[in-house]
Every structure is written in structure tokens, then in C-alpha cells.
Amino acid sequence: MLTILKRSRANGSTAYQALVRVKRKGKIVYSESRTFDRERLAQA
């Protein structure tokens, strides 16, 4: 599952955080997040 969050940085600029979680039998087996400057990069 991919989730993209729009976040504000301390200096007022906008960042996009991509969260990836893989579940098997209801339990999270893999989770990773990364922050990008542009939403299109976060989706890729």
C-alpha cells in the first residue's frame, strides 16, 4: 500500500512523504518511508 502525505517544513516549503507498507495475513512485514521535494517523484 502506498500513501503520500503533504507536509510543511520548518522553513515553510512543502515536502511529500511516501509511505510504503506491505501486509501479509494482517501483519506488517515491510515498511519504508522517504521524503521528496515534488509529489510526482513521491508517486514514482
C-alpha atoms as a PDB file:
ATOM      1  CA  MET A   1       0.000   0.000   0.000  1.00  0.00           C
ATOM      2  CA  LEU A   2       1.320   3.428  -0.938  1.00  0.00           C
ATOM      3  CA  THR A   3       0.352   6.585   0.930  1.00  0.00           C
ATOM      4  CA  ILE A   4       1.552  10.083   0.066  1.00  0.00           C
ATOM      5  CA  LEU A   5       1.414  12.802   2.712  1.00  0.00           C
ATOM      6  CA  LYS A   6       1.824  16.520   2.073  1.00  0.00           C
ATOM      7  CA  ARG A   7       3.949  18.060   4.839  1.00  0.00           C
ATOM      8  CA  SER A   8       5.179  21.533   5.701  1.00  0.00           C
ATOM      9  CA  ARG A   9       8.823  22.012   6.550  1.00  0.00           C
ATOM     10  CA  ALA A  10      10.145  24.382   9.207  1.00  0.00           C
ATOM     11  CA  ASN A  11      11.159  26.924   6.548  1.00  0.00           C
ATOM     12  CA  GLY A  12       7.626  26.950   5.082  1.00  0.00           C
ATOM     13  CA  SER A  13       8.286  24.881   1.957  1.00  0.00           C
ATOM     14  CA  THR A  14       6.232  21.809   1.083  1.00  0.00           C
ATOM     15  CA  ALA A  15       7.540  18.249   1.117  1.00  0.00           C
ATOM     16  CA  TYR A  16       5.863  14.982   0.130  1.00  0.00           C
ATOM     17  CA  GLN A  17       6.403  11.845   2.184  1.00  0.00           C
ATOM     18  CA  ALA A  18       5.844   8.467   0.535  1.00  0.00           C
ATOM     19  CA  LEU A  19       4.962   5.610   2.901  1.00  0.00           C
ATOM     20  CA  VAL A  20       5.043   2.007   1.684  1.00  0.00           C
ATOM     21  CA  ARG A  21       3.670  -0.825   3.809  1.00  0.00           C
ATOM     22  CA  VAL A  22       3.331  -4.477   2.852  1.00  0.00           C
ATOM     23  CA  LYS A  23       0.975  -6.621   4.921  1.00  0.00           C
ATOM     24  CA  ARG A  24       0.661 -10.387   4.951  1.00  0.00           C
ATOM     25  CA  LYS A  25      -2.060 -12.095   6.978  1.00  0.00           C
ATOM     26  CA  GLY A  26      -2.860  -8.778   8.677  1.00  0.00           C
ATOM     27  CA  LYS A  27       0.680  -8.110   9.904  1.00  0.00           C
ATOM     28  CA  ILE A  28       3.118  -5.536   8.537  1.00  0.00           C
ATOM     29  CA  VAL A  29       6.113  -7.388   7.078  1.00  0.00           C
ATOM     30  CA  TYR A  30       7.793  -4.410   5.393  1.00  0.00           C
ATOM     31  CA  SER A  31       7.614  -0.657   5.928  1.00  0.00           C
ATOM     32  CA  GLU A  32       9.611   2.177   4.387  1.00  0.00           C
ATOM     33  CA  SER A  33       9.202   5.934   4.093  1.00  0.00           C
ATOM     34  CA  ARG A  34      11.038   8.601   2.153  1.00  0.00           C
ATOM     35  CA  THR A  35      10.596  12.354   1.704  1.00  0.00           C
ATOM     36  CA  PHE A  36      10.663  14.124  -1.668  1.00  0.00           C
ATOM     37  CA  ASP A  37      10.521  17.740  -2.842  1.00  0.00           C
ATOM     38  CA  ARG A  38       7.941  17.039  -5.567  1.00  0.00           C
ATOM     39  CA  GLU A  39       4.757  14.989  -5.469  1.00  0.00           C
ATOM     40  CA  ARG A  40       5.454  13.362  -8.827  1.00  0.00           C
ATOM     41  CA  LEU A  41       8.754  11.967  -7.520  1.00  0.00           C
ATOM     42  CA  ALA A  42       6.992  10.573  -4.454  1.00  0.00           C
ATOM     43  CA  GLN A  43       4.482   8.751  -6.649  1.00  0.00           C
ATOM     44  CA  ALA A  44       7.191   7.229  -8.833  1.00  0.00           C
END
